Amino acid sequence: MDDQRKWNAGAAYSGMAIQMGAIIALGTFGGVKLDQWLDLSPVFTIICALISIALAMYVMIQKFTKKKKDGD
């Protein structure tokens, strides 16, 4: 594998990691705001965090299977 392809692969995986972190952070932030708005214990924080983790994993699996089909 030449240097350019290594850099491209590294950039792609770094972008996926950033996207995964952003999905989880936004979901958790939304849960915190819902808990503050409804004046509840961290019920929605936990629920939204778990849902956002599942969503991030789903998005990553979709991207990995697409990459595998494309032959990269």
PDB file of N, CA and C in Angstrom:
ATOM      1  N   MET A   1       0.846  -1.168   0.000  1.00  0.00           N
ATOM      2  CA  MET A   1       0.000   0.000   0.000  1.00  0.00           C
ATOM      3  C   MET A   1       0.895   1.236   0.000  1.00  0.00           C
ATOM      4  N   ASP A   2       0.648   2.132  -0.925  1.00  0.00           N
ATOM      5  CA  ASP A   2       1.487   3.322  -0.995  1.00  0.00           C
ATOM      6  C   ASP A   2       1.074   4.347   0.074  1.00  0.00           C
ATOM      7  N   ASP A   3       1.899   5.362   0.221  1.00  0.00           N
ATOM      8  CA  ASP A   3       1.700   6.357   1.282  1.00  0.00           C
ATOM      9  C   ASP A   3       0.385   7.117   1.130  1.00  0.00           C
ATOM     10  N   GLN A   4       0.019   7.450  -0.093  1.00  0.00           N
ATOM     11  CA  GLN A   4      -1.211   8.217  -0.317  1.00  0.00           C
ATOM     12  C   GLN A   4      -2.450   7.423   0.125  1.00  0.00           C
ATOM     13  N   ARG A   5      -2.489   6.149  -0.183  1.00  0.00           N
ATOM     14  CA  ARG A   5      -3.639   5.326   0.219  1.00  0.00           C
ATOM     15  C   ARG A   5      -3.687   5.165   1.723  1.00  0.00           C
ATOM     16  N   LYS A   6      -2.508   5.092   2.382  1.00  0.00           N
ATOM     17  CA  LYS A   6      -2.481   5.009   3.843  1.00  0.00           C
ATOM     18  C   LYS A   6      -3.059   6.274   4.462  1.00  0.00           C
ATOM     19  N   TRP A   7      -2.664   7.427   3.916  1.00  0.00           N
ATOM     20  CA  TRP A   7      -3.184   8.693   4.430  1.00  0.00           C
ATOM     21  C   TRP A   7      -4.680   8.799   4.202  1.00  0.00           C
ATOM     22  N   ASN A   8      -5.165   8.369   3.030  1.00  0.00           N
ATOM     23  CA  ASN A   8      -6.595   8.426   2.730  1.00  0.00           C
ATOM     24  C   ASN A   8      -7.380   7.534   3.677  1.00  0.00           C
ATOM     25  N   ALA A   9      -6.870   6.332   3.941  1.00  0.00           N
ATOM     26  CA  ALA A   9      -7.555   5.421   4.859  1.00  0.00           C
ATOM     27  C   ALA A   9      -7.556   5.990   6.276  1.00  0.00           C
ATOM     28  N   GLY A  10      -6.437   6.552   6.687  1.00  0.00           N
ATOM     29  CA  GLY A  10      -6.367   7.154   8.020  1.00  0.00           C
ATOM     30  C   GLY A  10      -7.325   8.323   8.171  1.00  0.00           C
ATOM     31  N   ALA A  11      -7.419   9.141   7.141  1.00  0.00           N
ATOM     32  CA  ALA A  11      -8.335  10.280   7.179  1.00  0.00           C
ATOM     33  C   ALA A  11      -9.788   9.809   7.217  1.00  0.00           C
ATOM     34  N   ALA A  12     -10.101   8.769   6.467  1.00  0.00           N
ATOM     35  CA  ALA A  12     -11.465   8.252   6.458  1.00  0.00           C
ATOM     36  C   ALA A  12     -11.854   7.703   7.820  1.00  0.00           C
ATOM     37  N   TYR A  13     -10.975   6.937   8.451  1.00  0.00           N
ATOM     38  CA  TYR A  13     -11.278   6.372   9.766  1.00  0.00           C
ATOM     39  C   TYR A  13     -11.303   7.444  10.846  1.00  0.00           C
ATOM     40  N   SER A  14     -10.482   8.451  10.718  1.00  0.00           N
ATOM     41  CA  SER A  14     -10.521   9.563  11.664  1.00  0.00           C
ATOM     42  C   SER A  14     -11.843  10.313  11.548  1.00  0.00           C
ATOM     43  N   GLY A  15     -12.290  10.511  10.339  1.00  0.00           N
ATOM     44  CA  GLY A  15     -13.584  11.167  10.117  1.00  0.00           C
ATOM     45  C   GLY A  15     -14.731  10.365  10.701  1.00  0.00           C
ATOM     46  N   MET A  16     -14.675   9.047  10.565  1.00  0.00           N
ATOM     47  CA  MET A  16     -15.711   8.196  11.145  1.00  0.00           C
ATOM     48  C   MET A  16     -15.712   8.287  12.666  1.00  0.00           C
ATOM     49  N   ALA A  17     -14.524   8.337  13.257  1.00  0.00           N
ATOM     50  CA  ALA A  17     -14.427   8.425  14.717  1.00  0.00           C
ATOM     51  C   ALA A  17     -14.987   9.758  15.214  1.00  0.00           C
ATOM     52  N   ILE A  18     -14.684  10.824  14.497  1.00  0.00           N
ATOM     53  CA  ILE A  18     -15.211  12.133  14.871  1.00  0.00           C
ATOM     54  C   ILE A  18     -16.728  12.157  14.734  1.00  0.00           C
ATOM     55  N   GLN A  19     -17.244  11.559  13.658  1.00  0.00           N
ATOM     56  CA  GLN A  19     -18.690  11.500  13.457  1.00  0.00           C
ATOM     57  C   GLN A  19     -19.356  10.688  14.560  1.00  0.00           C
ATOM     58  N   MET A  20     -18.752   9.589  14.935  1.00  0.00           N
ATOM     59  CA  MET A  20     -19.301   8.747  15.998  1.00  0.00           C
ATOM     60  C   MET A  20     -19.334   9.518  17.318  1.00  0.00           C
ATOM     61  N   GLY A  21     -18.245  10.208  17.628  1.00  0.00           N
ATOM     62  CA  GLY A  21     -18.206  11.012  18.843  1.00  0.00           C
ATOM     63  C   GLY A  21     -19.242  12.124  18.837  1.00  0.00           C
ATOM     64  N   ALA A  22     -19.437  12.752  17.686  1.00  0.00           N
ATOM     65  CA  ALA A  22     -20.410  13.837  17.582  1.00  0.00           C
ATOM     66  C   ALA A  22     -21.839  13.324  17.776  1.00  0.00           C
ATOM     67  N   ILE A  23     -22.155  12.165  17.211  1.00  0.00           N
ATOM     68  CA  ILE A  23     -23.492  11.585  17.376  1.00  0.00           C
ATOM     69  C   ILE A  23     -23.759  11.300  18.848  1.00  0.00           C
ATOM     70  N   ILE A  24     -22.790  10.687  19.517  1.00  0.00           N
ATOM     71  CA  ILE A  24     -22.962  10.351  20.931  1.00  0.00           C
ATOM     72  C   ILE A  24     -23.044  11.619  21.778  1.00  0.00           C
ATOM     73  N   ALA A  25     -22.201  12.594  21.495  1.00  0.00           N
ATOM     74  CA  ALA A  25     -22.212  13.840  22.269  1.00  0.00           C
ATOM     75  C   ALA A  25     -23.529  14.598  22.094  1.00  0.00           C
ATOM     76  N   LEU A  26     -24.027  14.684  20.867  1.00  0.00           N
ATOM     77  CA  LEU A  26     -25.284  15.390  20.634  1.00  0.00           C
ATOM     78  C   LEU A  26     -26.469  14.674  21.274  1.00  0.00           C
ATOM     79  N   GLY A  27     -26.470  13.349  21.208  1.00  0.00           N
ATOM     80  CA  GLY A  27     -27.543  12.590  21.840  1.00  0.00           C
ATOM     81  C   GLY A  27     -27.546  12.762  23.348  1.00  0.00           C
ATOM     82  N   THR A  28     -26.381  12.711  23.948  1.00  0.00           N
ATOM     83  CA  THR A  28     -26.275  12.879  25.393  1.00  0.00           C
ATOM     84  C   THR A  28     -26.635  14.306  25.796  1.00  0.00           C
ATOM     85  N   PHE A  29     -26.173  15.278  25.033  1.00  0.00           N
ATOM     86  CA  PHE A  29     -26.511  16.677  25.307  1.00  0.00           C
ATOM     87  C   PHE A  29     -28.027  16.893  25.227  1.00  0.00           C
ATOM     88  N   GLY A  30     -28.658  16.288  24.229  1.00  0.00           N
ATOM     89  CA  GLY A  30     -30.111  16.390  24.120  1.00  0.00           C
ATOM     90  C   GLY A  30     -30.818  15.779  25.323  1.00  0.00           C
ATOM     91  N   GLY A  31     -30.305  14.667  25.808  1.00  0.00           N
ATOM     92  CA  GLY A  31     -30.878  14.038  26.994  1.00  0.00           C
ATOM     93  C   GLY A  31     -30.727  14.899  28.231  1.00  0.00           C
ATOM     94  N   VAL A  32     -29.567  15.533  28.377  1.00  0.00           N
ATOM     95  CA  VAL A  32     -29.341  16.431  29.515  1.00  0.00           C
ATOM     96  C   VAL A  32     -30.317  17.606  29.456  1.00  0.00           C
ATOM     97  N   LYS A  33     -30.481  18.181  28.285  1.00  0.00           N
ATOM     98  CA  LYS A  33     -31.392  19.314  28.137  1.00  0.00           C
ATOM     99  C   LYS A  33     -32.843  18.902  28.404  1.00  0.00           C
ATOM    100  N   LEU A  34     -33.238  17.712  27.949  1.00  0.00           N
ATOM    101  CA  LEU A  34     -34.586  17.219  28.247  1.00  0.00           C
ATOM    102  C   LEU A  34     -34.785  17.037  29.746  1.00  0.00           C
ATOM    103  N   ASP A  35     -33.792  16.490  30.420  1.00  0.00           N
ATOM    104  CA  ASP A  35     -33.884  16.319  31.867  1.00  0.00           C
ATOM    105  C   ASP A  35     -33.981  17.665  32.584  1.00  0.00           C
ATOM    106  N   GLN A  36     -33.235  18.646  32.123  1.00  0.00           N
ATOM    107  CA  GLN A  36     -33.315  19.972  32.732  1.00  0.00           C
ATOM    108  C   GLN A  36     -34.670  20.611  32.483  1.00  0.00           C
ATOM    109  N   TRP A  37     -35.181  20.450  31.280  1.00  0.00           N
ATOM    110  CA  TRP A  37     -36.456  21.066  30.909  1.00  0.00           C
ATOM    111  C   TRP A  37     -37.616  20.433  31.674  1.00  0.00           C
ATOM    112  N   LEU A  38     -37.585  19.103  31.816  1.00  0.00           N
ATOM    113  CA  LEU A  38     -38.658  18.391  32.508  1.00  0.00           C
ATOM    114  C   LEU A  38     -38.396  18.233  33.999  1.00  0.00           C
ATOM    115  N   ASP A  39     -37.249  18.697  34.476  1.00  0.00           N
ATOM    116  CA  ASP A  39     -36.857  18.624  35.882  1.00  0.00           C
ATOM    117  C   ASP A  39     -36.927  17.184  36.407  1.00  0.00           C
ATOM    118  N   LEU A  40     -36.256  16.307  35.697  1.00  0.00           N
ATOM    119  CA  LEU A  40     -36.207  14.893  36.068  1.00  0.00           C
ATOM    120  C   LEU A  40     -34.790  14.504  36.456  1.00  0.00           C
ATOM    121  N   SER A  41     -34.693  13.343  37.081  1.00  0.00           N
ATOM    122  CA  SER A  41     -33.373  12.768  37.317  1.00  0.00           C
ATOM    123  C   SER A  41     -32.801  12.362  35.963  1.00  0.00           C
ATOM    124  N   PRO A  42     -31.608  11.842  35.894  1.00  0.00           N
ATOM    125  CA  PRO A  42     -30.984  11.622  34.578  1.00  0.00           C
ATOM    126  C   PRO A  42     -31.611  10.489  33.756  1.00  0.00           C
ATOM    127  N   VAL A  43     -32.927  10.458  33.699  1.00  0.00           N
ATOM    128  CA  VAL A  43     -33.623   9.419  32.931  1.00  0.00           C
ATOM    129  C   VAL A  43     -33.364   9.595  31.440  1.00  0.00           C
ATOM    130  N   PHE A  44     -33.648  10.777  30.926  1.00  0.00           N
ATOM    131  CA  PHE A  44     -33.493  11.012  29.495  1.00  0.00           C
ATOM    132  C   PHE A  44     -32.030  11.069  29.080  1.00  0.00           C
ATOM    133  N   THR A  45     -31.160  11.477  29.991  1.00  0.00           N
ATOM    134  CA  THR A  45     -29.728  11.470  29.673  1.00  0.00           C
ATOM    135  C   THR A  45     -29.271  10.050  29.382  1.00  0.00           C
ATOM    136  N   ILE A  46     -29.663   9.120  30.221  1.00  0.00           N
ATOM    137  CA  ILE A  46     -29.272   7.722  30.021  1.00  0.00           C
ATOM    138  C   ILE A  46     -29.915   7.148  28.768  1.00  0.00           C
ATOM    139  N   ILE A  47     -31.214   7.395  28.604  1.00  0.00           N
ATOM    140  CA  ILE A  47     -31.930   6.857  27.440  1.00  0.00           C
ATOM    141  C   ILE A  47     -31.350   7.412  26.143  1.00  0.00           C
ATOM    142  N   CYS A  48     -31.177   8.722  26.075  1.00  0.00           N
ATOM    143  CA  CYS A  48     -30.656   9.337  24.852  1.00  0.00           C
ATOM    144  C   CYS A  48     -29.204   8.938  24.584  1.00  0.00           C
ATOM    145  N   ALA A  49     -28.422   8.777  25.643  1.00  0.00           N
ATOM    146  CA  ALA A  49     -27.039   8.338  25.453  1.00  0.00           C
ATOM    147  C   ALA A  49     -26.999   6.932  24.857  1.00  0.00           C
ATOM    148  N   LEU A  50     -27.822   6.028  25.385  1.00  0.00           N
ATOM    149  CA  LEU A  50     -27.853   4.662  24.859  1.00  0.00           C
ATOM    150  C   LEU A  50     -28.363   4.614  23.423  1.00  0.00           C
ATOM    151  N   ILE A  51     -29.386   5.406  23.134  1.00  0.00           N
ATOM    152  CA  ILE A  51     -29.912   5.459  21.761  1.00  0.00           C
ATOM    153  C   ILE A  51     -28.858   6.034  20.812  1.00  0.00           C
ATOM    154  N   SER A  52     -28.147   7.070  21.246  1.00  0.00           N
ATOM    155  CA  SER A  52     -27.138   7.666  20.366  1.00  0.00           C
ATOM    156  C   SER A  52     -25.948   6.727  20.160  1.00  0.00           C
ATOM    157  N   ILE A  53     -25.598   5.935  21.171  1.00  0.00           N
ATOM    158  CA  ILE A  53     -24.535   4.938  20.995  1.00  0.00           C
ATOM    159  C   ILE A  53     -24.965   3.897  19.963  1.00  0.00           C
ATOM    160  N   ALA A  54     -26.210   3.431  20.079  1.00  0.00           N
ATOM    161  CA  ALA A  54     -26.724   2.451  19.115  1.00  0.00           C
ATOM    162  C   ALA A  54     -26.764   3.053  17.709  1.00  0.00           C
ATOM    163  N   LEU A  55     -27.185   4.303  17.595  1.00  0.00           N
ATOM    164  CA  LEU A  55     -27.229   4.968  16.291  1.00  0.00           C
ATOM    165  C   LEU A  55     -25.835   5.129  15.703  1.00  0.00           C
ATOM    166  N   ALA A  56     -24.874   5.512  16.538  1.00  0.00           N
ATOM    167  CA  ALA A  56     -23.493   5.668  16.060  1.00  0.00           C
ATOM    168  C   ALA A  56     -22.929   4.333  15.585  1.00  0.00           C
ATOM    169  N   MET A  57     -23.206   3.276  16.329  1.00  0.00           N
ATOM    170  CA  MET A  57     -22.740   1.949  15.912  1.00  0.00           C
ATOM    171  C   MET A  57     -23.392   1.536  14.586  1.00  0.00           C
ATOM    172  N   TYR A  58     -24.674   1.813  14.433  1.00  0.00           N
ATOM    173  CA  TYR A  58     -25.376   1.491  13.190  1.00  0.00           C
ATOM    174  C   TYR A  58     -24.743   2.234  12.006  1.00  0.00           C
ATOM    175  N   VAL A  59     -24.489   3.518  12.190  1.00  0.00           N
ATOM    176  CA  VAL A  59     -23.883   4.320  11.111  1.00  0.00           C
ATOM    177  C   VAL A  59     -22.503   3.782  10.758  1.00  0.00           C
ATOM    178  N   MET A  60     -21.714   3.433  11.754  1.00  0.00           N
ATOM    179  CA  MET A  60     -20.371   2.909  11.495  1.00  0.00           C
ATOM    180  C   MET A  60     -20.424   1.558  10.774  1.00  0.00           C
ATOM    181  N   ILE A  61     -21.325   0.695  11.192  1.00  0.00           N
ATOM    182  CA  ILE A  61     -21.461  -0.606  10.524  1.00  0.00           C
ATOM    183  C   ILE A  61     -21.861  -0.413   9.069  1.00  0.00           C
ATOM    184  N   GLN A  62     -22.765   0.529   8.817  1.00  0.00           N
ATOM    185  CA  GLN A  62     -23.168   0.807   7.442  1.00  0.00           C
ATOM    186  C   GLN A  62     -21.993   1.299   6.608  1.00  0.00           C
ATOM    187  N   LYS A  63     -21.167   2.156   7.181  1.00  0.00           N
ATOM    188  CA  LYS A  63     -20.007   2.672   6.437  1.00  0.00           C
ATOM    189  C   LYS A  63     -18.966   1.583   6.196  1.00  0.00           C
ATOM    190  N   PHE A  64     -18.738   0.731   7.197  1.00  0.00           N
ATOM    191  CA  PHE A  64     -17.756  -0.345   7.029  1.00  0.00           C
ATOM    192  C   PHE A  64     -18.214  -1.353   5.979  1.00  0.00           C
ATOM    193  N   THR A  65     -19.495  -1.693   5.974  1.00  0.00           N
ATOM    194  CA  THR A  65     -19.965  -2.655   4.972  1.00  0.00           C
ATOM    195  C   THR A  65     -19.951  -2.027   3.579  1.00  0.00           C
ATOM    196  N   LYS A  66     -20.210  -0.735   3.487  1.00  0.00           N
ATOM    197  CA  LYS A  66     -20.134  -0.061   2.187  1.00  0.00           C
ATOM    198  C   LYS A  66     -18.698  -0.050   1.689  1.00  0.00           C
ATOM    199  N   LYS A  67     -17.740   0.231   2.581  1.00  0.00           N
ATOM    200  CA  LYS A  67     -16.330   0.224   2.185  1.00  0.00           C
ATOM    201  C   LYS A  67     -15.901  -1.155   1.724  1.00  0.00           C
ATOM    202  N   LYS A  68     -16.380  -2.178   2.419  1.00  0.00           N
ATOM    203  CA  LYS A  68     -16.003  -3.541   2.064  1.00  0.00           C
ATOM    204  C   LYS A  68     -16.563  -3.910   0.686  1.00  0.00           C
ATOM    205  N   LYS A  69     -17.796  -3.490   0.391  1.00  0.00           N
ATOM    206  CA  LYS A  69     -18.391  -3.756  -0.908  1.00  0.00           C
ATOM    207  C   LYS A  69     -17.675  -3.009  -2.018  1.00  0.00           C
ATOM    208  N   ASP A  70     -17.197  -1.794  -1.712  1.00  0.00           N
ATOM    209  CA  ASP A  70     -16.481  -0.999  -2.714  1.00  0.00           C
ATOM    210  C   ASP A  70     -15.084  -1.508  -2.974  1.00  0.00           C
ATOM    211  N   GLY A  71     -14.589  -2.373  -2.081  1.00  0.00           N
ATOM    212  CA  GLY A  71     -13.270  -2.945  -2.282  1.00  0.00           C
ATOM    213  C   GLY A  71     -12.133  -2.163  -1.675  1.00  0.00           C
ATOM    214  N   ASP A  72     -12.451  -1.213  -0.806  1.00  0.00           N
ATOM    215  CA  ASP A  72     -11.396  -0.412  -0.166  1.00  0.00           C
ATOM    216  C   ASP A  72     -10.888  -1.042   1.082  1.00  0.00           C
TER     217      ASP A  72
END
